[in-house]
Amino acid sequence: MTLAHETGGIGLLERENATILNAALIRSFARALRARNDMLSRRDSTSQIYVAQNDGTLLSEGEAARRPILTIESTISHAMRGAAHLCGELNAVVAYAQPEAITFGTLIDGYPQESSFPTDIASIRTRNRMPDLITVALPEPLDPARPILSARDRQRCAVAVRRMAGTHHDLPLIAAGRIAEALKQLPDDPAHQLIVVDHAGAVAAVGAAVADVSGSVDRTFDYERRSREESLASTVEAARMAAVRAGADIRHIRVDDIRETPLGYSPGRGARVRVRAVGPVLNPLST
């Protein structure tokens, strides 16, 4: 069973689409998890498994199987975090450069910036949580040993960097991925120092390895029926418990993101409240 209020955000059509998409993914995702577990058991591995989700954090295998939609675009998110971790930056534009396409995103305080607009997934309009990305598709796959961008591709990449930086004019540009060296061909831009990370092809694995576990809650309230203070407190507690269900150590959970948005189209004093709580992976041996 997929619950829309746990999956789809706001907007009736977008919420329905995200809920249906999540339900459609559950069986195939479960098959993939079983195949992976069978492979690990053949290697006598009994380690607890966590799955990357698309805000740059992790969640437990059980929670991922229940809400696989949260894992869409997780590779890009963790590549961004891994690249930033390797060069010690918390705020940056990150270019994840692969032979077929170069994807640009923005890290703010160490996490991928979330898209504020509806997102199309395979031409299906949704509004579930997704990173804000710009992808420059390359006409032909580039050779990782000698990636050469055309003048048009360089221009498109330069525009993408400026758009992702937005009002943050001095963010460095971190290049990662299998053809990270190709970003050296971009026009010189004093506002965005170029950093090509070492081990650029492994940044997604690094990002997942250093990630915390998180739980998020997205709710709407009418402050005329329930006070703002009580509403915020209940949402924070729900996010903490969501992080525990996702596999975080309850002793070290912290709330790192609270977003409160007034709902001008609703009667009364409506507001949308989103809270994320994060914590380190629970080590069963330490409990």
C-alpha atoms as a PDB file:
ATOM      1  CA  MET A   1       0.000   0.000   0.000  1.00  0.00           C
ATOM      2  CA  THR A   2       1.323   3.427  -0.964  1.00  0.00           C
ATOM      3  CA  LEU A   3       0.129   6.418   1.085  1.00  0.00           C
ATOM      4  CA  ALA A   4      -0.067   9.626  -0.932  1.00  0.00           C
ATOM      5  CA  HIS A   5       0.743  11.918   1.990  1.00  0.00           C
ATOM      6  CA  GLU A   6       4.083  10.113   2.436  1.00  0.00           C
ATOM      7  CA  THR A   7       4.991  10.245  -1.229  1.00  0.00           C
ATOM      8  CA  GLY A   8       3.608  12.939  -3.462  1.00  0.00           C
ATOM      9  CA  GLY A   9       3.966  16.415  -1.950  1.00  0.00           C
ATOM     10  CA  ILE A  10       1.251  18.943  -2.853  1.00  0.00           C
ATOM     11  CA  GLY A  11      -0.829  19.353  -6.006  1.00  0.00           C
ATOM     12  CA  LEU A  12      -3.623  16.844  -6.632  1.00  0.00           C
ATOM     13  CA  LEU A  13      -2.563  15.581 -10.071  1.00  0.00           C
ATOM     14  CA  GLU A  14       1.145  15.513  -9.227  1.00  0.00           C
ATOM     15  CA  ARG A  15       0.433  13.755  -5.933  1.00  0.00           C
ATOM     16  CA  GLU A  16      -1.699  11.081  -7.614  1.00  0.00           C
ATOM     17  CA  ASN A  17       0.934  10.519 -10.302  1.00  0.00           C
ATOM     18  CA  ALA A  18       3.756  10.127  -7.774  1.00  0.00           C
ATOM     19  CA  THR A  19       1.706   7.712  -5.684  1.00  0.00           C
ATOM     20  CA  ILE A  20       0.823   5.553  -8.696  1.00  0.00           C
ATOM     21  CA  LEU A  21       4.446   5.601  -9.885  1.00  0.00           C
ATOM     22  CA  ASN A  22       5.700   4.542  -6.462  1.00  0.00           C
ATOM     23  CA  ALA A  23       3.199   1.669  -6.343  1.00  0.00           C
ATOM     24  CA  ALA A  24       4.249   0.562  -9.839  1.00  0.00           C
ATOM     25  CA  LEU A  25       7.924   0.463  -8.811  1.00  0.00           C
ATOM     26  CA  ILE A  26       7.526  -1.575  -5.629  1.00  0.00           C
ATOM     27  CA  ARG A  27       7.577  -5.083  -7.143  1.00  0.00           C
ATOM     28  CA  SER A  28      10.504  -4.515  -9.500  1.00  0.00           C
ATOM     29  CA  PHE A  29      12.454  -2.775  -6.739  1.00  0.00           C
ATOM     30  CA  ALA A  30      11.800  -5.708  -4.389  1.00  0.00           C
ATOM     31  CA  ARG A  31      13.090  -8.130  -7.045  1.00  0.00           C
ATOM     32  CA  ALA A  32      16.277  -6.083  -7.380  1.00  0.00           C
ATOM     33  CA  LEU A  33      16.772  -6.100  -3.610  1.00  0.00           C
ATOM     34  CA  ARG A  34      16.274  -9.864  -3.429  1.00  0.00           C
ATOM     35  CA  ALA A  35      18.792 -10.439  -6.238  1.00  0.00           C
ATOM     36  CA  ARG A  36      21.311  -8.233  -4.476  1.00  0.00           C
ATOM     37  CA  ASN A  37      20.766 -10.018  -1.149  1.00  0.00           C
ATOM     38  CA  ASP A  38      21.201 -13.418  -2.820  1.00  0.00           C
ATOM     39  CA  MET A  39      24.495 -12.245  -4.290  1.00  0.00           C
ATOM     40  CA  LEU A  40      25.723 -11.010  -0.912  1.00  0.00           C
ATOM     41  CA  SER A  41      24.684 -14.201   0.872  1.00  0.00           C
ATOM     42  CA  ARG A  42      26.695 -16.246  -1.645  1.00  0.00           C
ATOM     43  CA  ARG A  43      29.683 -14.191  -0.511  1.00  0.00           C
ATOM     44  CA  ASP A  44      28.837 -14.841   3.160  1.00  0.00           C
ATOM     45  CA  SER A  45      28.077 -11.180   3.789  1.00  0.00           C
ATOM     46  CA  THR A  46      25.698 -10.444   6.652  1.00  0.00           C
ATOM     47  CA  SER A  47      26.101  -6.665   6.628  1.00  0.00           C
ATOM     48  CA  GLN A  48      23.039  -4.484   7.041  1.00  0.00           C
ATOM     49  CA  ILE A  49      22.114  -2.777   3.769  1.00  0.00           C
ATOM     50  CA  TYR A  50      21.234   0.887   3.294  1.00  0.00           C
ATOM     51  CA  VAL A  51      19.973   2.432   0.054  1.00  0.00           C
ATOM     52  CA  ALA A  52      20.885   5.849  -1.383  1.00  0.00           C
ATOM     53  CA  GLN A  53      18.015   8.305  -1.701  1.00  0.00           C
ATOM     54  CA  ASN A  54      17.834  11.414  -3.831  1.00  0.00           C
ATOM     55  CA  ASP A  55      18.459  14.075  -1.181  1.00  0.00           C
ATOM     56  CA  GLY A  56      21.996  12.796  -0.603  1.00  0.00           C
ATOM     57  CA  THR A  57      21.170  10.675   2.442  1.00  0.00           C
ATOM     58  CA  LEU A  58      20.458   6.986   3.100  1.00  0.00           C
ATOM     59  CA  LEU A  59      17.475   4.945   4.188  1.00  0.00           C
ATOM     60  CA  SER A  60      17.014   1.375   5.339  1.00  0.00           C
ATOM     61  CA  GLU A  61      16.322  -1.453   2.941  1.00  0.00           C
ATOM     62  CA  GLY A  62      12.776  -1.799   4.270  1.00  0.00           C
ATOM     63  CA  GLU A  63      11.954   1.892   3.850  1.00  0.00           C
ATOM     64  CA  ALA A  64      13.460   1.909   0.358  1.00  0.00           C
ATOM     65  CA  ALA A  65      11.318  -1.075  -0.628  1.00  0.00           C
ATOM     66  CA  ARG A  66       8.232   0.794   0.611  1.00  0.00           C
ATOM     67  CA  ARG A  67       9.054   4.098  -1.121  1.00  0.00           C
ATOM     68  CA  PRO A  68      11.360   3.395  -4.080  1.00  0.00           C
ATOM     69  CA  ILE A  69      10.391   6.716  -5.683  1.00  0.00           C
ATOM     70  CA  LEU A  70      12.741   8.389  -3.181  1.00  0.00           C
ATOM     71  CA  THR A  71      15.721   6.714  -4.866  1.00  0.00           C
ATOM     72  CA  ILE A  72      15.186   8.258  -8.337  1.00  0.00           C
ATOM     73  CA  GLU A  73      18.229  10.422  -9.271  1.00  0.00           C
ATOM     74  CA  SER A  74      20.055   9.209  -6.144  1.00  0.00           C
ATOM     75  CA  THR A  75      23.249   8.522  -8.120  1.00  0.00           C
ATOM     76  CA  ILE A  76      23.530  12.182  -9.109  1.00  0.00           C
ATOM     77  CA  SER A  77      22.816  13.405  -5.575  1.00  0.00           C
ATOM     78  CA  HIS A  78      25.451  11.173  -4.013  1.00  0.00           C
ATOM     79  CA  ALA A  79      27.945  11.970  -6.759  1.00  0.00           C
ATOM     80  CA  MET A  80      27.538  15.641  -5.874  1.00  0.00           C
ATOM     81  CA  ARG A  81      28.068  14.984  -2.188  1.00  0.00           C
ATOM     82  CA  GLY A  82      31.020  12.684  -2.825  1.00  0.00           C
ATOM     83  CA  ALA A  83      32.718  15.251  -5.051  1.00  0.00           C
ATOM     84  CA  ALA A  84      32.244  17.964  -2.438  1.00  0.00           C
ATOM     85  CA  HIS A  85      33.530  15.666   0.317  1.00  0.00           C
ATOM     86  CA  LEU A  86      36.706  14.890  -1.632  1.00  0.00           C
ATOM     87  CA  CYS A  87      37.573  18.564  -2.078  1.00  0.00           C
ATOM     88  CA  GLY A  88      36.253  19.865   1.250  1.00  0.00           C
ATOM     89  CA  GLU A  89      33.506  22.139  -0.088  1.00  0.00           C
ATOM     90  CA  LEU A  90      29.999  22.537   1.362  1.00  0.00           C
ATOM     91  CA  ASN A  91      28.649  25.022  -1.195  1.00  0.00           C
ATOM     92  CA  ALA A  92      29.365  24.535  -4.883  1.00  0.00           C
ATOM     93  CA  VAL A  93      28.037  23.900  -8.352  1.00  0.00           C
ATOM     94  CA  VAL A  94      28.842  20.271  -9.208  1.00  0.00           C
ATOM     95  CA  ALA A  95      29.177  18.908 -12.746  1.00  0.00           C
ATOM     96  CA  TYR A  96      28.790  15.125 -12.955  1.00  0.00           C
ATOM     97  CA  ALA A  97      30.317  14.474 -16.353  1.00  0.00           C
ATOM     98  CA  GLN A  98      29.611  11.137 -18.015  1.00  0.00           C
ATOM     99  CA  PRO A  99      30.314  10.220 -21.670  1.00  0.00           C
ATOM    100  CA  GLU A 100      26.641  10.608 -22.685  1.00  0.00           C
ATOM    101  CA  ALA A 101      25.693  13.714 -20.669  1.00  0.00           C
ATOM    102  CA  ILE A 102      26.907  16.272 -18.138  1.00  0.00           C
ATOM    103  CA  THR A 103      24.545  16.971 -15.241  1.00  0.00           C
ATOM    104  CA  PHE A 104      24.814  20.127 -13.144  1.00  0.00           C
ATOM    105  CA  GLY A 105      23.462  20.633  -9.634  1.00  0.00           C
ATOM    106  CA  THR A 106      24.031  22.912  -6.657  1.00  0.00           C
ATOM    107  CA  LEU A 107      25.123  21.972  -3.152  1.00  0.00           C
ATOM    108  CA  ILE A 108      24.016  24.257  -0.323  1.00  0.00           C
ATOM    109  CA  ASP A 109      25.369  23.432   3.142  1.00  0.00           C
ATOM    110  CA  GLY A 110      26.512  20.064   1.849  1.00  0.00           C
ATOM    111  CA  TYR A 111      23.197  18.857   0.386  1.00  0.00           C
ATOM    112  CA  PRO A 112      21.770  18.992  -3.155  1.00  0.00           C
ATOM    113  CA  GLN A 113      19.420  21.893  -3.705  1.00  0.00           C
ATOM    114  CA  GLU A 114      15.865  20.631  -4.112  1.00  0.00           C
ATOM    115  CA  SER A 115      13.774  21.558  -7.129  1.00  0.00           C
ATOM    116  CA  SER A 116      10.885  23.879  -6.300  1.00  0.00           C
ATOM    117  CA  PHE A 117       9.025  23.034  -9.510  1.00  0.00           C
ATOM    118  CA  PRO A 118       7.010  20.000 -10.621  1.00  0.00           C
ATOM    119  CA  THR A 119       9.262  17.317 -12.111  1.00  0.00           C
ATOM    120  CA  ASP A 120       8.555  15.130 -15.119  1.00  0.00           C
ATOM    121  CA  ILE A 121       9.626  11.498 -14.684  1.00  0.00           C
ATOM    122  CA  ALA A 122       9.315   9.634 -18.010  1.00  0.00           C
ATOM    123  CA  SER A 123       6.915  12.417 -19.099  1.00  0.00           C
ATOM    124  CA  ILE A 124       4.777  11.952 -15.959  1.00  0.00           C
ATOM    125  CA  ARG A 125       4.270  15.172 -13.994  1.00  0.00           C
ATOM    126  CA  THR A 126       5.059  14.754 -10.284  1.00  0.00           C
ATOM    127  CA  ARG A 127       5.967  16.973  -7.367  1.00  0.00           C
ATOM    128  CA  ASN A 128       7.815  14.548  -5.149  1.00  0.00           C
ATOM    129  CA  ARG A 129      11.227  15.526  -3.797  1.00  0.00           C
ATOM    130  CA  MET A 130      13.864  15.734  -6.545  1.00  0.00           C
ATOM    131  CA  PRO A 131      17.226  17.506  -6.826  1.00  0.00           C
ATOM    132  CA  ASP A 132      17.340  20.649  -8.965  1.00  0.00           C
ATOM    133  CA  LEU A 133      19.379  19.625 -12.024  1.00  0.00           C
ATOM    134  CA  ILE A 134      20.277  20.745 -15.522  1.00  0.00           C
ATOM    135  CA  THR A 135      21.442  18.037 -17.928  1.00  0.00           C
ATOM    136  CA  VAL A 136      23.441  18.816 -21.058  1.00  0.00           C
ATOM    137  CA  ALA A 137      23.014  15.816 -23.342  1.00  0.00           C
ATOM    138  CA  LEU A 138      26.001  15.214 -25.633  1.00  0.00           C
ATOM    139  CA  PRO A 139      25.282  14.468 -29.319  1.00  0.00           C
ATOM    140  CA  GLU A 140      27.698  11.516 -29.288  1.00  0.00           C
ATOM    141  CA  PRO A 141      29.297   9.668 -26.348  1.00  0.00           C
ATOM    142  CA  LEU A 142      32.755  11.025 -25.583  1.00  0.00           C
ATOM    143  CA  ASP A 143      35.881   8.930 -25.165  1.00  0.00           C
ATOM    144  CA  PRO A 144      36.822   9.081 -21.448  1.00  0.00           C
ATOM    145  CA  ALA A 145      40.491   8.858 -22.405  1.00  0.00           C
ATOM    146  CA  ARG A 146      40.235  11.985 -24.597  1.00  0.00           C
ATOM    147  CA  PRO A 147      36.924  13.822 -24.001  1.00  0.00           C
ATOM    148  CA  ILE A 148      36.633  16.803 -26.314  1.00  0.00           C
ATOM    149  CA  LEU A 149      33.617  19.097 -26.098  1.00  0.00           C
ATOM    150  CA  SER A 150      32.365  20.976 -29.125  1.00  0.00           C
ATOM    151  CA  ALA A 151      32.145  24.785 -28.973  1.00  0.00           C
ATOM    152  CA  ARG A 152      28.354  24.498 -28.697  1.00  0.00           C
ATOM    153  CA  ASP A 153      28.573  21.995 -25.830  1.00  0.00           C
ATOM    154  CA  ARG A 154      31.035  24.232 -23.981  1.00  0.00           C
ATOM    155  CA  GLN A 155      28.650  27.153 -24.316  1.00  0.00           C
ATOM    156  CA  ARG A 156      25.693  25.086 -23.090  1.00  0.00           C
ATOM    157  CA  CYS A 157      27.715  23.939 -20.072  1.00  0.00           C
ATOM    158  CA  ALA A 158      28.774  27.502 -19.239  1.00  0.00           C
ATOM    159  CA  VAL A 159      25.130  28.620 -19.317  1.00  0.00           C
ATOM    160  CA  ALA A 160      24.166  25.694 -17.057  1.00  0.00           C
ATOM    161  CA  VAL A 161      26.822  26.698 -14.501  1.00  0.00           C
ATOM    162  CA  ARG A 162      25.514  30.268 -14.352  1.00  0.00           C
ATOM    163  CA  ARG A 163      21.916  29.107 -14.030  1.00  0.00           C
ATOM    164  CA  MET A 164      22.699  26.631 -11.230  1.00  0.00           C
ATOM    165  CA  ALA A 165      24.776  29.194  -9.331  1.00  0.00           C
ATOM    166  CA  GLY A 166      21.877  31.682  -9.431  1.00  0.00           C
ATOM    167  CA  THR A 167      22.504  34.472  -6.943  1.00  0.00           C
ATOM    168  CA  HIS A 168      25.514  32.622  -5.478  1.00  0.00           C
ATOM    169  CA  HIS A 169      27.968  34.223  -7.893  1.00  0.00           C
ATOM    170  CA  ASP A 170      31.162  32.995  -6.231  1.00  0.00           C
ATOM    171  CA  LEU A 171      30.461  29.239  -5.938  1.00  0.00           C
ATOM    172  CA  PRO A 172      33.293  27.002  -7.148  1.00  0.00           C
ATOM    173  CA  LEU A 173      32.590  24.542  -9.961  1.00  0.00           C
ATOM    174  CA  ILE A 174      33.483  20.972  -8.968  1.00  0.00           C
ATOM    175  CA  ALA A 175      34.018  18.575 -11.866  1.00  0.00           C
ATOM    176  CA  ALA A 176      33.479  14.858 -11.297  1.00  0.00           C
ATOM    177  CA  GLY A 177      32.511  11.781 -13.277  1.00  0.00           C
ATOM    178  CA  ARG A 178      34.284   9.717 -15.917  1.00  0.00           C
ATOM    179  CA  ILE A 179      34.968  12.687 -18.226  1.00  0.00           C
ATOM    180  CA  ALA A 180      35.561  15.315 -15.528  1.00  0.00           C
ATOM    181  CA  GLU A 181      38.650  16.527 -17.394  1.00  0.00           C
ATOM    182  CA  ALA A 182      36.389  17.788 -20.187  1.00  0.00           C
ATOM    183  CA  LEU A 183      35.248  20.652 -17.934  1.00  0.00           C
ATOM    184  CA  LYS A 184      38.714  22.192 -18.245  1.00  0.00           C
ATOM    185  CA  GLN A 185      37.662  23.212 -21.762  1.00  0.00           C
ATOM    186  CA  LEU A 186      34.973  25.610 -20.496  1.00  0.00           C
ATOM    187  CA  PRO A 187      35.583  29.353 -20.940  1.00  0.00           C
ATOM    188  CA  ASP A 188      37.504  30.895 -18.053  1.00  0.00           C
ATOM    189  CA  ASP A 189      35.116  32.241 -15.421  1.00  0.00           C
ATOM    190  CA  PRO A 190      36.786  34.038 -12.484  1.00  0.00           C
ATOM    191  CA  ALA A 191      33.532  33.822 -10.505  1.00  0.00           C
ATOM    192  CA  HIS A 192      33.546  30.019 -10.473  1.00  0.00           C
ATOM    193  CA  GLN A 193      36.892  28.430  -9.653  1.00  0.00           C
ATOM    194  CA  LEU A 194      37.166  25.022 -11.368  1.00  0.00           C
ATOM    195  CA  ILE A 195      38.106  22.080  -9.147  1.00  0.00           C
ATOM    196  CA  VAL A 196      38.602  18.672 -10.803  1.00  0.00           C
ATOM    197  CA  VAL A 197      38.487  16.101  -7.991  1.00  0.00           C
ATOM    198  CA  ASP A 198      40.773  13.111  -7.717  1.00  0.00           C
ATOM    199  CA  HIS A 199      39.100   9.713  -8.192  1.00  0.00           C
ATOM    200  CA  ALA A 200      36.418  11.564 -10.142  1.00  0.00           C
ATOM    201  CA  GLY A 201      34.817   8.364 -11.432  1.00  0.00           C
ATOM    202  CA  ALA A 202      34.076   7.045  -7.925  1.00  0.00           C
ATOM    203  CA  VAL A 203      32.383  10.094  -6.398  1.00  0.00           C
ATOM    204  CA  ALA A 204      28.908   8.491  -6.182  1.00  0.00           C
ATOM    205  CA  ALA A 205      30.290   5.613  -4.108  1.00  0.00           C
ATOM    206  CA  VAL A 206      32.150   8.078  -1.887  1.00  0.00           C
ATOM    207  CA  GLY A 207      28.993  10.132  -1.379  1.00  0.00           C
ATOM    208  CA  ALA A 208      27.001   7.074  -0.314  1.00  0.00           C
ATOM    209  CA  ALA A 209      29.808   5.898   1.984  1.00  0.00           C
ATOM    210  CA  VAL A 210      29.940   9.165   3.957  1.00  0.00           C
ATOM    211  CA  ALA A 211      26.175   9.836   4.002  1.00  0.00           C
ATOM    212  CA  ASP A 212      23.928   9.963   7.035  1.00  0.00           C
ATOM    213  CA  VAL A 213      20.480   8.372   7.300  1.00  0.00           C
ATOM    214  CA  SER A 214      17.482  10.697   7.123  1.00  0.00           C
ATOM    215  CA  GLY A 215      13.743  10.826   7.592  1.00  0.00           C
ATOM    216  CA  SER A 216      11.507  13.541   6.157  1.00  0.00           C
ATOM    217  CA  VAL A 217       7.943  14.637   6.859  1.00  0.00           C
ATOM    218  CA  ASP A 218       5.789  16.912   4.674  1.00  0.00           C
ATOM    219  CA  ARG A 219       2.536  18.150   6.245  1.00  0.00           C
ATOM    220  CA  THR A 220      -0.018  20.934   5.915  1.00  0.00           C
ATOM    221  CA  PHE A 221      -1.652  22.701   8.876  1.00  0.00           C
ATOM    222  CA  ASP A 222      -4.318  25.271   9.641  1.00  0.00           C
ATOM    223  CA  TYR A 223      -2.853  27.391  12.435  1.00  0.00           C
ATOM    224  CA  GLU A 224      -6.327  28.562  13.412  1.00  0.00           C
ATOM    225  CA  ARG A 225      -7.179  24.983  14.428  1.00  0.00           C
ATOM    226  CA  ARG A 226      -3.782  24.019  15.828  1.00  0.00           C
ATOM    227  CA  SER A 227      -1.128  26.424  17.047  1.00  0.00           C
ATOM    228  CA  ARG A 228       2.001  26.967  14.989  1.00  0.00           C
ATOM    229  CA  GLU A 229       4.228  25.891  17.875  1.00  0.00           C
ATOM    230  CA  GLU A 230       2.345  22.617  18.362  1.00  0.00           C
ATOM    231  CA  SER A 231       2.304  21.944  14.620  1.00  0.00           C
ATOM    232  CA  LEU A 232       6.048  22.475  14.258  1.00  0.00           C
ATOM    233  CA  ALA A 233       6.829  20.384  17.319  1.00  0.00           C
ATOM    234  CA  SER A 234       4.733  17.453  16.103  1.00  0.00           C
ATOM    235  CA  THR A 235       6.335  17.578  12.655  1.00  0.00           C
ATOM    236  CA  VAL A 236       9.844  17.652  14.104  1.00  0.00           C
ATOM    237  CA  GLU A 237       9.068  14.630  16.274  1.00  0.00           C
ATOM    238  CA  ALA A 238       7.547  12.789  13.299  1.00  0.00           C
ATOM    239  CA  ALA A 239      10.702  13.488  11.260  1.00  0.00           C
ATOM    240  CA  ARG A 240      12.898  12.171  14.072  1.00  0.00           C
ATOM    241  CA  MET A 241      10.861   8.965  14.202  1.00  0.00           C
ATOM    242  CA  ALA A 242      11.028   8.684  10.399  1.00  0.00           C
ATOM    243  CA  ALA A 243      14.825   8.866  10.656  1.00  0.00           C
ATOM    244  CA  VAL A 244      14.785   6.085  13.253  1.00  0.00           C
ATOM    245  CA  ARG A 245      12.634   3.891  10.965  1.00  0.00           C
ATOM    246  CA  ALA A 246      15.090   4.614   8.149  1.00  0.00           C
ATOM    247  CA  GLY A 247      17.944   3.256  10.273  1.00  0.00           C
ATOM    248  CA  ALA A 248      19.456   6.276  12.053  1.00  0.00           C
ATOM    249  CA  ASP A 249      20.913   6.092  15.556  1.00  0.00           C
ATOM    250  CA  ILE A 250      18.287   7.773  17.764  1.00  0.00           C
ATOM    251  CA  ARG A 251      20.985   8.979  20.169  1.00  0.00           C
ATOM    252  CA  HIS A 252      22.569  11.233  17.545  1.00  0.00           C
ATOM    253  CA  ILE A 253      19.662  12.477  15.420  1.00  0.00           C
ATOM    254  CA  ARG A 254      19.579  16.173  14.574  1.00  0.00           C
ATOM    255  CA  VAL A 255      17.040  18.272  12.676  1.00  0.00           C
ATOM    256  CA  ASP A 256      18.892  19.966   9.823  1.00  0.00           C
ATOM    257  CA  ASP A 257      16.112  21.373   7.645  1.00  0.00           C
ATOM    258  CA  ILE A 258      12.792  23.037   8.530  1.00  0.00           C
ATOM    259  CA  ARG A 259      10.791  24.704   5.758  1.00  0.00           C
ATOM    260  CA  GLU A 260       7.551  26.540   6.430  1.00  0.00           C
ATOM    261  CA  THR A 261       5.549  27.841   3.462  1.00  0.00           C
ATOM    262  CA  PRO A 262       2.279  29.811   3.846  1.00  0.00           C
ATOM    263  CA  LEU A 263      -0.575  28.474   1.702  1.00  0.00           C
ATOM    264  CA  GLY A 264      -2.208  31.624   0.407  1.00  0.00           C
ATOM    265  CA  TYR A 265      -4.907  29.768  -1.541  1.00  0.00           C
ATOM    266  CA  SER A 266      -6.319  27.950   1.510  1.00  0.00           C
ATOM    267  CA  PRO A 267      -8.869  29.333   3.978  1.00  0.00           C
ATOM    268  CA  GLY A 268      -7.577  30.370   7.372  1.00  0.00           C
ATOM    269  CA  ARG A 269      -3.856  30.439   8.153  1.00  0.00           C
ATOM    270  CA  GLY A 270      -2.703  27.429   6.204  1.00  0.00           C
ATOM    271  CA  ALA A 271       0.960  26.427   5.955  1.00  0.00           C
ATOM    272  CA  ARG A 272       3.028  23.623   4.522  1.00  0.00           C
ATOM    273  CA  VAL A 273       5.719  22.354   6.903  1.00  0.00           C
ATOM    274  CA  ARG A 274       8.601  20.138   5.790  1.00  0.00           C
ATOM    275  CA  VAL A 275      11.188  18.796   8.218  1.00  0.00           C
ATOM    276  CA  ARG A 276      14.206  16.546   7.691  1.00  0.00           C
ATOM    277  CA  ALA A 277      16.035  14.796  10.530  1.00  0.00           C
ATOM    278  CA  VAL A 278      19.388  13.090   9.975  1.00  0.00           C
ATOM    279  CA  GLY A 279      21.698  10.888  11.980  1.00  0.00           C
ATOM    280  CA  PRO A 280      24.506   8.370  11.591  1.00  0.00           C
ATOM    281  CA  VAL A 281      23.829   4.780  10.608  1.00  0.00           C
ATOM    282  CA  LEU A 282      22.831   2.729  13.637  1.00  0.00           C
ATOM    283  CA  ASN A 283      25.507   0.220  14.558  1.00  0.00           C
ATOM    284  CA  PRO A 284      23.677  -2.781  16.100  1.00  0.00           C
ATOM    285  CA  LEU A 285      26.830  -3.698  18.030  1.00  0.00           C
ATOM    286  CA  SER A 286      26.760  -0.371  19.881  1.00  0.00           C
ATOM    287  CA  THR A 287      23.213  -0.727  21.250  1.00  0.00           C
END
